[in-house]
């Protein structure tokens, strides 16, 4: 779909379900909904490499229109992702 400013995909946040599933992203931060950093055993699962949105979903990350979420240690953790 084209908009006045270009492709609709170009206007979506990286974690939006309409984003390109095969583009590379990196996880910048993993934190609780109140902003508390995740423990190292959670954060280290995503650090140091590029991920596609599909790979993140295959590892249990829920990609929503508002955020990316990962359930571990009985808590939801929000992943901040950006293009790699």
C-alpha atoms as a PDB file:
ATOM      1  CA  UNK A   1       0.000   0.000   0.000  1.00  0.00           C
ATOM      2  CA  UNK A   2       1.365   3.386  -0.929  1.00  0.00           C
ATOM      3  CA  UNK A   3       0.787   6.503   1.131  1.00  0.00           C
ATOM      4  CA  UNK A   4       1.457  10.090   0.268  1.00  0.00           C
ATOM      5  CA  UNK A   5       4.946   9.779   1.799  1.00  0.00           C
ATOM      6  CA  UNK A   6       5.929   6.366   0.440  1.00  0.00           C
ATOM      7  CA  UNK A   7       5.454   2.771   1.469  1.00  0.00           C
ATOM      8  CA  UNK A   8       3.339   2.024   4.517  1.00  0.00           C
ATOM      9  CA  UNK A   9       6.108  -0.292   5.766  1.00  0.00           C
ATOM     10  CA  UNK A  10       8.499   2.653   5.878  1.00  0.00           C
ATOM     11  CA  UNK A  11       6.239   4.408   8.380  1.00  0.00           C
ATOM     12  CA  UNK A  12       5.783   1.522  10.833  1.00  0.00           C
ATOM     13  CA  UNK A  13       7.874   1.013  13.998  1.00  0.00           C
ATOM     14  CA  UNK A  14      10.383  -1.845  13.806  1.00  0.00           C
ATOM     15  CA  UNK A  15       8.319  -4.121  16.060  1.00  0.00           C
ATOM     16  CA  UNK A  16       5.013  -3.609  14.259  1.00  0.00           C
ATOM     17  CA  UNK A  17       3.495  -6.820  12.845  1.00  0.00           C
ATOM     18  CA  UNK A  18       3.627  -5.273   9.349  1.00  0.00           C
ATOM     19  CA  UNK A  19       7.382  -4.754   9.528  1.00  0.00           C
ATOM     20  CA  UNK A  20       9.502  -6.934   7.285  1.00  0.00           C
ATOM     21  CA  UNK A  21       9.919 -10.301   9.010  1.00  0.00           C
ATOM     22  CA  UNK A  22      13.302 -11.028   7.395  1.00  0.00           C
ATOM     23  CA  UNK A  23      15.051  -7.709   8.067  1.00  0.00           C
ATOM     24  CA  UNK A  24      17.737  -7.778  10.778  1.00  0.00           C
ATOM     25  CA  UNK A  25      17.132  -6.150  14.168  1.00  0.00           C
ATOM     26  CA  UNK A  26      19.050  -5.946  17.400  1.00  0.00           C
ATOM     27  CA  UNK A  27      17.730  -5.912  20.939  1.00  0.00           C
ATOM     28  CA  UNK A  28      18.868  -2.663  22.535  1.00  0.00           C
ATOM     29  CA  UNK A  29      17.378  -3.184  25.983  1.00  0.00           C
ATOM     30  CA  UNK A  30      15.341  -5.699  27.952  1.00  0.00           C
ATOM     31  CA  UNK A  31      13.384  -4.297  30.894  1.00  0.00           C
ATOM     32  CA  UNK A  32      10.251  -4.729  32.975  1.00  0.00           C
ATOM     33  CA  UNK A  33       7.185  -2.641  32.107  1.00  0.00           C
ATOM     34  CA  UNK A  34       8.229  -0.133  34.802  1.00  0.00           C
ATOM     35  CA  UNK A  35      11.705   0.264  33.243  1.00  0.00           C
ATOM     36  CA  UNK A  36      13.729  -1.913  35.623  1.00  0.00           C
ATOM     37  CA  UNK A  37      16.524  -3.651  33.657  1.00  0.00           C
ATOM     38  CA  UNK A  38      16.110  -7.397  33.207  1.00  0.00           C
ATOM     39  CA  UNK A  39      18.476  -9.712  35.067  1.00  0.00           C
ATOM     40  CA  UNK A  40      21.582 -10.694  33.080  1.00  0.00           C
ATOM     41  CA  UNK A  41      20.318 -14.242  32.447  1.00  0.00           C
ATOM     42  CA  UNK A  42      17.369 -12.758  30.528  1.00  0.00           C
ATOM     43  CA  UNK A  43      19.115  -9.856  28.767  1.00  0.00           C
ATOM     44  CA  UNK A  44      22.066 -12.008  27.619  1.00  0.00           C
ATOM     45  CA  UNK A  45      19.726 -14.282  25.642  1.00  0.00           C
ATOM     46  CA  UNK A  46      19.279 -11.507  23.077  1.00  0.00           C
ATOM     47  CA  UNK A  47      22.562  -9.574  23.137  1.00  0.00           C
ATOM     48  CA  UNK A  48      25.370  -9.630  20.607  1.00  0.00           C
ATOM     49  CA  UNK A  49      23.666 -10.680  17.399  1.00  0.00           C
ATOM     50  CA  UNK A  50      21.184  -9.729  14.728  1.00  0.00           C
ATOM     51  CA  UNK A  51      17.699 -11.218  14.794  1.00  0.00           C
ATOM     52  CA  UNK A  52      14.832 -11.283  12.358  1.00  0.00           C
ATOM     53  CA  UNK A  53      11.365 -10.695  13.805  1.00  0.00           C
ATOM     54  CA  UNK A  54      10.568 -14.287  12.893  1.00  0.00           C
ATOM     55  CA  UNK A  55      13.587 -15.594  14.869  1.00  0.00           C
ATOM     56  CA  UNK A  56      12.515 -13.568  17.892  1.00  0.00           C
ATOM     57  CA  UNK A  57       8.990 -14.984  17.646  1.00  0.00           C
ATOM     58  CA  UNK A  58      10.411 -18.516  17.339  1.00  0.00           C
ATOM     59  CA  UNK A  59      12.182 -17.925  20.670  1.00  0.00           C
ATOM     60  CA  UNK A  60       8.974 -16.917  22.410  1.00  0.00           C
ATOM     61  CA  UNK A  61       8.989 -13.141  21.896  1.00  0.00           C
ATOM     62  CA  UNK A  62       5.510 -11.728  21.250  1.00  0.00           C
ATOM     63  CA  UNK A  63       5.686  -8.963  18.649  1.00  0.00           C
ATOM     64  CA  UNK A  64       2.699  -6.620  19.038  1.00  0.00           C
ATOM     65  CA  UNK A  65       1.754  -3.273  17.559  1.00  0.00           C
ATOM     66  CA  UNK A  66       2.890  -1.543  20.740  1.00  0.00           C
ATOM     67  CA  UNK A  67       5.955  -3.514  21.878  1.00  0.00           C
ATOM     68  CA  UNK A  68       7.902  -6.776  21.892  1.00  0.00           C
ATOM     69  CA  UNK A  69       7.418  -8.959  24.984  1.00  0.00           C
ATOM     70  CA  UNK A  70       9.201 -12.007  26.416  1.00  0.00           C
ATOM     71  CA  UNK A  71       7.889 -14.107  29.316  1.00  0.00           C
ATOM     72  CA  UNK A  72      10.615 -15.505  31.593  1.00  0.00           C
ATOM     73  CA  UNK A  73      11.109 -16.067  35.316  1.00  0.00           C
ATOM     74  CA  UNK A  74       7.382 -15.507  35.825  1.00  0.00           C
ATOM     75  CA  UNK A  75       7.492 -11.946  34.475  1.00  0.00           C
ATOM     76  CA  UNK A  76       6.904 -10.140  31.213  1.00  0.00           C
ATOM     77  CA  UNK A  77       9.976  -8.358  29.840  1.00  0.00           C
ATOM     78  CA  UNK A  78       9.773  -5.653  27.205  1.00  0.00           C
ATOM     79  CA  UNK A  79      12.374  -5.774  24.426  1.00  0.00           C
ATOM     80  CA  UNK A  80      13.418  -2.542  22.775  1.00  0.00           C
ATOM     81  CA  UNK A  81      14.464  -3.418  19.220  1.00  0.00           C
ATOM     82  CA  UNK A  82      15.887  -1.362  16.390  1.00  0.00           C
ATOM     83  CA  UNK A  83      17.084  -2.069  12.848  1.00  0.00           C
ATOM     84  CA  UNK A  84      20.561  -3.617  12.795  1.00  0.00           C
END
